[in-house]
Amino acid sequence: MAFAPLSENVIGSFVEKETGNIFQFSKNPELTLAPPAHGGKNVEFPYRVWVTNPIDGIDSGWRYARIGKTVAHIIVDETDRWVIEKWNIRNMRIFDV
């Protein structure tokens, strides 16, 4: 389970199906594009999913993501490989802000 810091403007949450863990997400203030795979187009990742408590200088506490109703694509490695995991999700909710 991971929750955003109180200073973050959380816009929604979801449950990861396999583990049952709850994750919150917020808008990504940056334009984050994953490089094209196999000659395709750059793909935008408009959200930040909060995955852990931030640790200064070590981890930001969030990962870039694309979130749909039943699937979230999470960038877990931003080095030259750009590893993207596909998470099956349920109970995706957008909060009234």
PDB file of N, CA and C in Angstrom:
ATOM      1  N   MET A   1       0.831  -1.170   0.000  1.00  0.00           N
ATOM      2  CA  MET A   1       0.000   0.000   0.000  1.00  0.00           C
ATOM      3  C   MET A   1       0.879   1.237   0.000  1.00  0.00           C
ATOM      4  N   ALA A   2       0.471   2.238  -0.755  1.00  0.00           N
ATOM      5  CA  ALA A   2       1.249   3.464  -0.800  1.00  0.00           C
ATOM      6  C   ALA A   2       0.315   4.650  -0.933  1.00  0.00           C
ATOM      7  N   PHE A   3       0.588   5.645  -0.117  1.00  0.00           N
ATOM      8  CA  PHE A   3      -0.223   6.848  -0.138  1.00  0.00           C
ATOM      9  C   PHE A   3       0.676   8.047  -0.385  1.00  0.00           C
ATOM     10  N   ALA A   4       0.140   9.024  -1.093  1.00  0.00           N
ATOM     11  CA  ALA A   4       0.886  10.232  -1.427  1.00  0.00           C
ATOM     12  C   ALA A   4       1.081  11.098  -0.187  1.00  0.00           C
ATOM     13  N   PRO A   5       2.129  11.938  -0.194  1.00  0.00           N
ATOM     14  CA  PRO A   5       2.297  12.897   0.899  1.00  0.00           C
ATOM     15  C   PRO A   5       1.110  13.852   0.941  1.00  0.00           C
ATOM     16  N   LEU A   6       0.825  14.412   2.096  1.00  0.00           N
ATOM     17  CA  LEU A   6      -0.307  15.324   2.240  1.00  0.00           C
ATOM     18  C   LEU A   6      -0.190  16.541   1.338  1.00  0.00           C
ATOM     19  N   SER A   7       1.037  16.932   0.995  1.00  0.00           N
ATOM     20  CA  SER A   7       1.243  18.095   0.138  1.00  0.00           C
ATOM     21  C   SER A   7       0.887  17.820  -1.327  1.00  0.00           C
ATOM     22  N   GLU A   8       0.701  16.576  -1.688  1.00  0.00           N
ATOM     23  CA  GLU A   8       0.417  16.191  -3.077  1.00  0.00           C
ATOM     24  C   GLU A   8      -1.084  16.249  -3.356  1.00  0.00           C
ATOM     25  N   ASN A   9      -1.441  16.703  -4.553  1.00  0.00           N
ATOM     26  CA  ASN A   9      -2.842  16.781  -4.954  1.00  0.00           C
ATOM     27  C   ASN A   9      -3.272  15.448  -5.571  1.00  0.00           C
ATOM     28  N   VAL A  10      -3.767  14.539  -4.738  1.00  0.00           N
ATOM     29  CA  VAL A  10      -4.178  13.207  -5.181  1.00  0.00           C
ATOM     30  C   VAL A  10      -5.490  13.326  -5.949  1.00  0.00           C
ATOM     31  N   ILE A  11      -5.556  12.669  -7.129  1.00  0.00           N
ATOM     32  CA  ILE A  11      -6.786  12.744  -7.922  1.00  0.00           C
ATOM     33  C   ILE A  11      -7.524  11.416  -8.019  1.00  0.00           C
ATOM     34  N   GLY A  12      -6.887  10.315  -7.547  1.00  0.00           N
ATOM     35  CA  GLY A  12      -7.571   9.033  -7.629  1.00  0.00           C
ATOM     36  C   GLY A  12      -6.812   7.925  -6.945  1.00  0.00           C
ATOM     37  N   SER A  13      -7.398   6.722  -7.033  1.00  0.00           N
ATOM     38  CA  SER A  13      -6.761   5.541  -6.446  1.00  0.00           C
ATOM     39  C   SER A  13      -7.215   4.300  -7.203  1.00  0.00           C
ATOM     40  N   PHE A  14      -6.506   3.206  -6.963  1.00  0.00           N
ATOM     41  CA  PHE A  14      -6.898   1.911  -7.523  1.00  0.00           C
ATOM     42  C   PHE A  14      -6.333   0.810  -6.641  1.00  0.00           C
ATOM     43  N   VAL A  15      -6.828  -0.399  -6.859  1.00  0.00           N
ATOM     44  CA  VAL A  15      -6.329  -1.584  -6.163  1.00  0.00           C
ATOM     45  C   VAL A  15      -5.632  -2.466  -7.192  1.00  0.00           C
ATOM     46  N   GLU A  16      -4.396  -2.874  -6.898  1.00  0.00           N
ATOM     47  CA  GLU A  16      -3.679  -3.799  -7.767  1.00  0.00           C
ATOM     48  C   GLU A  16      -4.251  -5.185  -7.505  1.00  0.00           C
ATOM     49  N   LYS A  17      -4.750  -5.840  -8.562  1.00  0.00           N
ATOM     50  CA  LYS A  17      -5.507  -7.093  -8.402  1.00  0.00           C
ATOM     51  C   LYS A  17      -4.735  -8.216  -7.719  1.00  0.00           C
ATOM     52  N   GLU A  18      -3.506  -8.451  -8.123  1.00  0.00           N
ATOM     53  CA  GLU A  18      -2.767  -9.617  -7.634  1.00  0.00           C
ATOM     54  C   GLU A  18      -2.493  -9.548  -6.132  1.00  0.00           C
ATOM     55  N   THR A  19      -2.114  -8.362  -5.639  1.00  0.00           N
ATOM     56  CA  THR A  19      -1.730  -8.231  -4.234  1.00  0.00           C
ATOM     57  C   THR A  19      -2.826  -7.640  -3.355  1.00  0.00           C
ATOM     58  N   GLY A  20      -3.774  -6.927  -3.984  1.00  0.00           N
ATOM     59  CA  GLY A  20      -4.808  -6.245  -3.206  1.00  0.00           C
ATOM     60  C   GLY A  20      -4.335  -4.936  -2.601  1.00  0.00           C
ATOM     61  N   ASN A  21      -3.137  -4.482  -2.972  1.00  0.00           N
ATOM     62  CA  ASN A  21      -2.608  -3.225  -2.436  1.00  0.00           C
ATOM     63  C   ASN A  21      -3.292  -2.029  -3.084  1.00  0.00           C
ATOM     64  N   ILE A  22      -3.499  -0.999  -2.284  1.00  0.00           N
ATOM     65  CA  ILE A  22      -4.129   0.244  -2.736  1.00  0.00           C
ATOM     66  C   ILE A  22      -3.035   1.239  -3.095  1.00  0.00           C
ATOM     67  N   PHE A  23      -3.221   1.929  -4.226  1.00  0.00           N
ATOM     68  CA  PHE A  23      -2.283   2.956  -4.655  1.00  0.00           C
ATOM     69  C   PHE A  23      -3.040   4.233  -4.987  1.00  0.00           C
ATOM     70  N   GLN A  24      -2.469   5.374  -4.614  1.00  0.00           N
ATOM     71  CA  GLN A  24      -3.024   6.670  -4.979  1.00  0.00           C
ATOM     72  C   GLN A  24      -2.227   7.208  -6.163  1.00  0.00           C
ATOM     73  N   PHE A  25      -2.875   8.101  -6.934  1.00  0.00           N
ATOM     74  CA  PHE A  25      -2.145   8.723  -8.036  1.00  0.00           C
ATOM     75  C   PHE A  25      -2.514  10.194  -8.153  1.00  0.00           C
ATOM     76  N   SER A  26      -1.606  10.938  -8.779  1.00  0.00           N
ATOM     77  CA  SER A  26      -1.790  12.369  -9.009  1.00  0.00           C
ATOM     78  C   SER A  26      -1.375  12.677 -10.434  1.00  0.00           C
ATOM     79  N   LYS A  27      -1.704  13.895 -10.889  1.00  0.00           N
ATOM     80  CA  LYS A  27      -1.297  14.293 -12.234  1.00  0.00           C
ATOM     81  C   LYS A  27       0.210  14.482 -12.273  1.00  0.00           C
ATOM     82  N   ASN A  28       0.800  14.165 -13.405  1.00  0.00           N
ATOM     83  CA  ASN A  28       2.221  14.367 -13.630  1.00  0.00           C
ATOM     84  C   ASN A  28       2.397  15.790 -14.150  1.00  0.00           C
ATOM     85  N   PRO A  29       3.068  16.668 -13.392  1.00  0.00           N
ATOM     86  CA  PRO A  29       3.216  18.059 -13.842  1.00  0.00           C
ATOM     87  C   PRO A  29       4.172  18.221 -15.019  1.00  0.00           C
ATOM     88  N   GLU A  30       4.948  17.175 -15.329  1.00  0.00           N
ATOM     89  CA  GLU A  30       5.896  17.220 -16.436  1.00  0.00           C
ATOM     90  C   GLU A  30       5.315  16.482 -17.641  1.00  0.00           C
ATOM     91  N   LEU A  31       5.821  16.781 -18.804  1.00  0.00           N
ATOM     92  CA  LEU A  31       5.467  15.985 -19.979  1.00  0.00           C
ATOM     93  C   LEU A  31       6.458  14.839 -20.038  1.00  0.00           C
ATOM     94  N   THR A  32       6.014  13.646 -19.698  1.00  0.00           N
ATOM     95  CA  THR A  32       6.893  12.481 -19.672  1.00  0.00           C
ATOM     96  C   THR A  32       6.513  11.554 -20.811  1.00  0.00           C
ATOM     97  N   LEU A  33       7.456  11.365 -21.719  1.00  0.00           N
ATOM     98  CA  LEU A  33       7.230  10.498 -22.873  1.00  0.00           C
ATOM     99  C   LEU A  33       8.192   9.326 -22.820  1.00  0.00           C
ATOM    100  N   ALA A  34       7.646   8.123 -22.887  1.00  0.00           N
ATOM    101  CA  ALA A  34       8.501   6.940 -23.016  1.00  0.00           C
ATOM    102  C   ALA A  34       8.946   6.876 -24.466  1.00  0.00           C
ATOM    103  N   PRO A  35      10.188   6.478 -24.711  1.00  0.00           N
ATOM    104  CA  PRO A  35      10.662   6.392 -26.088  1.00  0.00           C
ATOM    105  C   PRO A  35       9.856   5.383 -26.893  1.00  0.00           C
ATOM    106  N   PRO A  36       9.809   5.586 -28.219  1.00  0.00           N
ATOM    107  CA  PRO A  36       9.035   4.670 -29.054  1.00  0.00           C
ATOM    108  C   PRO A  36       9.590   3.250 -29.008  1.00  0.00           C
ATOM    109  N   ALA A  37       8.683   2.311 -28.926  1.00  0.00           N
ATOM    110  CA  ALA A  37       9.084   0.898 -28.946  1.00  0.00           C
ATOM    111  C   ALA A  37       8.814   0.333 -30.332  1.00  0.00           C
ATOM    112  N   HIS A  38       9.794  -0.329 -30.897  1.00  0.00           N
ATOM    113  CA  HIS A  38       9.643  -0.994 -32.192  1.00  0.00           C
ATOM    114  C   HIS A  38       9.122  -0.058 -33.274  1.00  0.00           C
ATOM    115  N   GLY A  39       9.655   1.164 -33.326  1.00  0.00           N
ATOM    116  CA  GLY A  39       9.287   2.097 -34.379  1.00  0.00           C
ATOM    117  C   GLY A  39       7.970   2.811 -34.167  1.00  0.00           C
ATOM    118  N   GLY A  40       7.352   2.649 -32.995  1.00  0.00           N
ATOM    119  CA  GLY A  40       6.083   3.314 -32.714  1.00  0.00           C
ATOM    120  C   GLY A  40       6.274   4.746 -32.277  1.00  0.00           C
ATOM    121  N   LYS A  41       5.214   5.345 -31.755  1.00  0.00           N
ATOM    122  CA  LYS A  41       5.251   6.730 -31.294  1.00  0.00           C
ATOM    123  C   LYS A  41       5.643   6.798 -29.831  1.00  0.00           C
ATOM    124  N   ASN A  42       6.131   7.985 -29.407  1.00  0.00           N
ATOM    125  CA  ASN A  42       6.357   8.213 -27.991  1.00  0.00           C
ATOM    126  C   ASN A  42       5.016   8.111 -27.274  1.00  0.00           C
ATOM    127  N   VAL A  43       5.020   7.537 -26.085  1.00  0.00           N
ATOM    128  CA  VAL A  43       3.787   7.360 -25.323  1.00  0.00           C
ATOM    129  C   VAL A  43       3.850   8.236 -24.078  1.00  0.00           C
ATOM    130  N   GLU A  44       2.809   9.029 -23.855  1.00  0.00           N
ATOM    131  CA  GLU A  44       2.773   9.923 -22.701  1.00  0.00           C
ATOM    132  C   GLU A  44       2.336   9.175 -21.445  1.00  0.00           C
ATOM    133  N   PHE A  45       2.957   9.507 -20.336  1.00  0.00           N
ATOM    134  CA  PHE A  45       2.611   8.963 -19.027  1.00  0.00           C
ATOM    135  C   PHE A  45       2.136  10.135 -18.157  1.00  0.00           C
ATOM    136  N   PRO A  46       0.809  10.383 -18.130  1.00  0.00           N
ATOM    137  CA  PRO A  46       0.275  11.603 -17.525  1.00  0.00           C
ATOM    138  C   PRO A  46       0.073  11.565 -16.013  1.00  0.00           C
ATOM    139  N   TYR A  47       0.422  10.454 -15.354  1.00  0.00           N
ATOM    140  CA  TYR A  47       0.180  10.343 -13.911  1.00  0.00           C
ATOM    141  C   TYR A  47       1.437   9.940 -13.160  1.00  0.00           C
ATOM    142  N   ARG A  48       1.390  10.183 -11.849  1.00  0.00           N
ATOM    143  CA  ARG A  48       2.391   9.676 -10.915  1.00  0.00           C
ATOM    144  C   ARG A  48       1.656   8.747  -9.952  1.00  0.00           C
ATOM    145  N   VAL A  49       2.075   7.503  -9.890  1.00  0.00           N
ATOM    146  CA  VAL A  49       1.510   6.551  -8.929  1.00  0.00           C
ATOM    147  C   VAL A  49       2.447   6.511  -7.734  1.00  0.00           C
ATOM    148  N   TRP A  50       1.882   6.693  -6.555  1.00  0.00           N
ATOM    149  CA  TRP A  50       2.678   6.704  -5.325  1.00  0.00           C
ATOM    150  C   TRP A  50       2.896   5.274  -4.874  1.00  0.00           C
ATOM    151  N   VAL A  51       4.164   4.840  -4.851  1.00  0.00           N
ATOM    152  CA  VAL A  51       4.495   3.445  -4.579  1.00  0.00           C
ATOM    153  C   VAL A  51       5.228   3.240  -3.256  1.00  0.00           C
ATOM    154  N   THR A  52       5.743   4.290  -2.670  1.00  0.00           N
ATOM    155  CA  THR A  52       6.469   4.193  -1.407  1.00  0.00           C
ATOM    156  C   THR A  52       6.556   5.576  -0.785  1.00  0.00           C
ATOM    157  N   ASN A  53       6.963   5.645   0.460  1.00  0.00           N
ATOM    158  CA  ASN A  53       7.199   6.940   1.078  1.00  0.00           C
ATOM    159  C   ASN A  53       8.487   7.517   0.504  1.00  0.00           C
ATOM    160  N   PRO A  54       8.474   8.801   0.129  1.00  0.00           N
ATOM    161  CA  PRO A  54       9.677   9.409  -0.448  1.00  0.00           C
ATOM    162  C   PRO A  54      10.846   9.387   0.545  1.00  0.00           C
ATOM    163  N   ILE A  55      12.032   9.092   0.040  1.00  0.00           N
ATOM    164  CA  ILE A  55      13.253   9.138   0.834  1.00  0.00           C
ATOM    165  C   ILE A  55      14.184  10.113   0.130  1.00  0.00           C
ATOM    166  N   ASP A  56      14.503  11.227   0.771  1.00  0.00           N
ATOM    167  CA  ASP A  56      15.310  12.277   0.145  1.00  0.00           C
ATOM    168  C   ASP A  56      16.602  11.723  -0.442  1.00  0.00           C
ATOM    169  N   GLY A  57      16.840  12.050  -1.694  1.00  0.00           N
ATOM    170  CA  GLY A  57      18.067  11.683  -2.373  1.00  0.00           C
ATOM    171  C   GLY A  57      18.139  10.237  -2.840  1.00  0.00           C
ATOM    172  N   ILE A  58      17.168   9.401  -2.422  1.00  0.00           N
ATOM    173  CA  ILE A  58      17.217   7.993  -2.802  1.00  0.00           C
ATOM    174  C   ILE A  58      16.057   7.629  -3.714  1.00  0.00           C
ATOM    175  N   ASP A  59      14.856   8.031  -3.320  1.00  0.00           N
ATOM    176  CA  ASP A  59      13.677   7.643  -4.092  1.00  0.00           C
ATOM    177  C   ASP A  59      12.639   8.755  -4.002  1.00  0.00           C
ATOM    178  N   SER A  60      11.952   8.993  -5.112  1.00  0.00           N
ATOM    179  CA  SER A  60      10.930  10.042  -5.154  1.00  0.00           C
ATOM    180  C   SER A  60       9.630   9.589  -4.505  1.00  0.00           C
ATOM    181  N   GLY A  61       9.419   8.274  -4.428  1.00  0.00           N
ATOM    182  CA  GLY A  61       8.182   7.753  -3.859  1.00  0.00           C
ATOM    183  C   GLY A  61       7.109   7.479  -4.894  1.00  0.00           C
ATOM    184  N   TRP A  62       7.339   7.889  -6.145  1.00  0.00           N
ATOM    185  CA  TRP A  62       6.333   7.691  -7.193  1.00  0.00           C
ATOM    186  C   TRP A  62       6.985   7.156  -8.459  1.00  0.00           C
ATOM    187  N   ARG A  63       6.112   6.658  -9.342  1.00  0.00           N
ATOM    188  CA  ARG A  63       6.531   6.189 -10.665  1.00  0.00           C
ATOM    189  C   ARG A  63       5.591   6.786 -11.701  1.00  0.00           C
ATOM    190  N   TYR A  64       6.112   7.086 -12.885  1.00  0.00           N
ATOM    191  CA  TYR A  64       5.279   7.565 -13.983  1.00  0.00           C
ATOM    192  C   TYR A  64       4.322   6.468 -14.412  1.00  0.00           C
ATOM    193  N   ALA A  65       3.097   6.854 -14.816  1.00  0.00           N
ATOM    194  CA  ALA A  65       2.107   5.828 -15.162  1.00  0.00           C
ATOM    195  C   ALA A  65       1.090   6.319 -16.182  1.00  0.00           C
ATOM    196  N   ARG A  66       0.506   5.338 -16.863  1.00  0.00           N
ATOM    197  CA  ARG A  66      -0.709   5.495 -17.681  1.00  0.00           C
ATOM    198  C   ARG A  66      -1.735   4.623 -16.975  1.00  0.00           C
ATOM    199  N   ILE A  67      -2.919   5.162 -16.711  1.00  0.00           N
ATOM    200  CA  ILE A  67      -3.908   4.417 -15.934  1.00  0.00           C
ATOM    201  C   ILE A  67      -5.220   4.358 -16.704  1.00  0.00           C
ATOM    202  N   GLY A  68      -5.706   3.136 -16.897  1.00  0.00           N
ATOM    203  CA  GLY A  68      -7.009   2.914 -17.499  1.00  0.00           C
ATOM    204  C   GLY A  68      -7.959   2.364 -16.452  1.00  0.00           C
ATOM    205  N   LYS A  69      -9.106   1.867 -16.886  1.00  0.00           N
ATOM    206  CA  LYS A  69     -10.081   1.329 -15.939  1.00  0.00           C
ATOM    207  C   LYS A  69      -9.644  -0.002 -15.343  1.00  0.00           C
ATOM    208  N   THR A  70      -8.936  -0.833 -16.120  1.00  0.00           N
ATOM    209  CA  THR A  70      -8.568  -2.169 -15.643  1.00  0.00           C
ATOM    210  C   THR A  70      -7.074  -2.464 -15.714  1.00  0.00           C
ATOM    211  N   VAL A  71      -6.299  -1.557 -16.293  1.00  0.00           N
ATOM    212  CA  VAL A  71      -4.856  -1.774 -16.449  1.00  0.00           C
ATOM    213  C   VAL A  71      -4.114  -0.476 -16.181  1.00  0.00           C
ATOM    214  N   ALA A  72      -2.969  -0.600 -15.501  1.00  0.00           N
ATOM    215  CA  ALA A  72      -2.060   0.539 -15.330  1.00  0.00           C
ATOM    216  C   ALA A  72      -0.711   0.126 -15.899  1.00  0.00           C
ATOM    217  N   HIS A  73      -0.090   1.020 -16.659  1.00  0.00           N
ATOM    218  CA  HIS A  73       1.261   0.792 -17.173  1.00  0.00           C
ATOM    219  C   HIS A  73       2.184   1.693 -16.353  1.00  0.00           C
ATOM    220  N   ILE A  74       3.133   1.075 -15.647  1.00  0.00           N
ATOM    221  CA  ILE A  74       4.002   1.778 -14.708  1.00  0.00           C
ATOM    222  C   ILE A  74       5.437   1.692 -15.199  1.00  0.00           C
ATOM    223  N   ILE A  75       6.127   2.841 -15.289  1.00  0.00           N
ATOM    224  CA  ILE A  75       7.543   2.842 -15.644  1.00  0.00           C
ATOM    225  C   ILE A  75       8.328   2.513 -14.373  1.00  0.00           C
ATOM    226  N   VAL A  76       8.977   1.367 -14.367  1.00  0.00           N
ATOM    227  CA  VAL A  76       9.720   0.939 -13.178  1.00  0.00           C
ATOM    228  C   VAL A  76      11.226   1.138 -13.331  1.00  0.00           C
ATOM    229  N   ASP A  77      11.680   1.439 -14.530  1.00  0.00           N
ATOM    230  CA  ASP A  77      13.107   1.683 -14.772  1.00  0.00           C
ATOM    231  C   ASP A  77      13.226   2.704 -15.895  1.00  0.00           C
ATOM    232  N   GLU A  78      13.808   3.868 -15.572  1.00  0.00           N
ATOM    233  CA  GLU A  78      13.915   4.952 -16.557  1.00  0.00           C
ATOM    234  C   GLU A  78      15.289   5.035 -17.208  1.00  0.00           C
ATOM    235  N   THR A  79      16.115   4.032 -17.017  1.00  0.00           N
ATOM    236  CA  THR A  79      17.414   4.056 -17.685  1.00  0.00           C
ATOM    237  C   THR A  79      17.179   3.876 -19.182  1.00  0.00           C
ATOM    238  N   ASP A  80      18.210   3.635 -19.930  1.00  0.00           N
ATOM    239  CA  ASP A  80      18.062   3.525 -21.384  1.00  0.00           C
ATOM    240  C   ASP A  80      17.101   2.423 -21.822  1.00  0.00           C
ATOM    241  N   ARG A  81      16.746   1.490 -20.931  1.00  0.00           N
ATOM    242  CA  ARG A  81      15.835   0.407 -21.308  1.00  0.00           C
ATOM    243  C   ARG A  81      14.357   0.782 -21.166  1.00  0.00           C
ATOM    244  N   TRP A  82      14.014   1.681 -20.287  1.00  0.00           N
ATOM    245  CA  TRP A  82      12.628   2.090 -20.023  1.00  0.00           C
ATOM    246  C   TRP A  82      11.731   0.864 -19.807  1.00  0.00           C
ATOM    247  N   VAL A  83      11.887   0.225 -18.666  1.00  0.00           N
ATOM    248  CA  VAL A  83      11.096  -0.955 -18.333  1.00  0.00           C
ATOM    249  C   VAL A  83       9.711  -0.512 -17.864  1.00  0.00           C
ATOM    250  N   ILE A  84       8.678  -1.048 -18.522  1.00  0.00           N
ATOM    251  CA  ILE A  84       7.297  -0.693 -18.206  1.00  0.00           C
ATOM    252  C   ILE A  84       6.562  -1.966 -17.805  1.00  0.00           C
ATOM    253  N   GLU A  85       5.979  -1.937 -16.583  1.00  0.00           N
ATOM    254  CA  GLU A  85       5.196  -3.081 -16.119  1.00  0.00           C
ATOM    255  C   GLU A  85       3.717  -2.826 -16.370  1.00  0.00           C
ATOM    256  N   LYS A  86       3.004  -3.893 -16.644  1.00  0.00           N
ATOM    257  CA  LYS A  86       1.550  -3.827 -16.808  1.00  0.00           C
ATOM    258  C   LYS A  86       0.921  -4.398 -15.534  1.00  0.00           C
ATOM    259  N   TRP A  87       0.143  -3.589 -14.843  1.00  0.00           N
ATOM    260  CA  TRP A  87      -0.544  -4.029 -13.634  1.00  0.00           C
ATOM    261  C   TRP A  87      -2.024  -4.161 -13.936  1.00  0.00           C
ATOM    262  N   ASN A  88      -2.624  -5.277 -13.572  1.00  0.00           N
ATOM    263  CA  ASN A  88      -4.075  -5.425 -13.638  1.00  0.00           C
ATOM    264  C   ASN A  88      -4.647  -4.773 -12.388  1.00  0.00           C
ATOM    265  N   ILE A  89      -5.635  -3.899 -12.588  1.00  0.00           N
ATOM    266  CA  ILE A  89      -6.168  -3.137 -11.461  1.00  0.00           C
ATOM    267  C   ILE A  89      -7.691  -3.273 -11.391  1.00  0.00           C
ATOM    268  N   ARG A  90      -8.227  -2.905 -10.233  1.00  0.00           N
ATOM    269  CA  ARG A  90      -9.676  -2.870 -10.046  1.00  0.00           C
ATOM    270  C   ARG A  90      -9.996  -1.670  -9.161  1.00  0.00           C
ATOM    271  N   ASN A  91     -11.263  -1.349  -9.097  1.00  0.00           N
ATOM    272  CA  ASN A  91     -11.740  -0.238  -8.246  1.00  0.00           C
ATOM    273  C   ASN A  91     -11.009   1.075  -8.527  1.00  0.00           C
ATOM    274  N   MET A  92     -10.731   1.358  -9.800  1.00  0.00           N
ATOM    275  CA  MET A  92     -10.096   2.629 -10.146  1.00  0.00           C
ATOM    276  C   MET A  92     -11.105   3.743  -9.923  1.00  0.00           C
ATOM    277  N   ARG A  93     -10.725   4.712  -9.128  1.00  0.00           N
ATOM    278  CA  ARG A  93     -11.623   5.834  -8.815  1.00  0.00           C
ATOM    279  C   ARG A  93     -10.918   7.155  -9.052  1.00  0.00           C
ATOM    280  N   ILE A  94     -11.662   8.087  -9.622  1.00  0.00           N
ATOM    281  CA  ILE A  94     -11.210   9.466  -9.732  1.00  0.00           C
ATOM    282  C   ILE A  94     -11.988  10.254  -8.688  1.00  0.00           C
ATOM    283  N   PHE A  95     -11.259  11.006  -7.850  1.00  0.00           N
ATOM    284  CA  PHE A  95     -11.909  11.773  -6.792  1.00  0.00           C
ATOM    285  C   PHE A  95     -12.457  13.077  -7.341  1.00  0.00           C
ATOM    286  N   ASP A  96     -13.531  13.550  -6.750  1.00  0.00           N
ATOM    287  CA  ASP A  96     -14.029  14.895  -7.074  1.00  0.00           C
ATOM    288  C   ASP A  96     -13.096  15.893  -6.403  1.00  0.00           C
ATOM    289  N   VAL A  97     -12.502  16.752  -7.204  1.00  0.00           N
ATOM    290  CA  VAL A  97     -11.538  17.703  -6.662  1.00  0.00           C
ATOM    291  C   VAL A  97     -12.049  19.101  -6.776  1.00  0.00           C
TER     292      VAL A  97
END
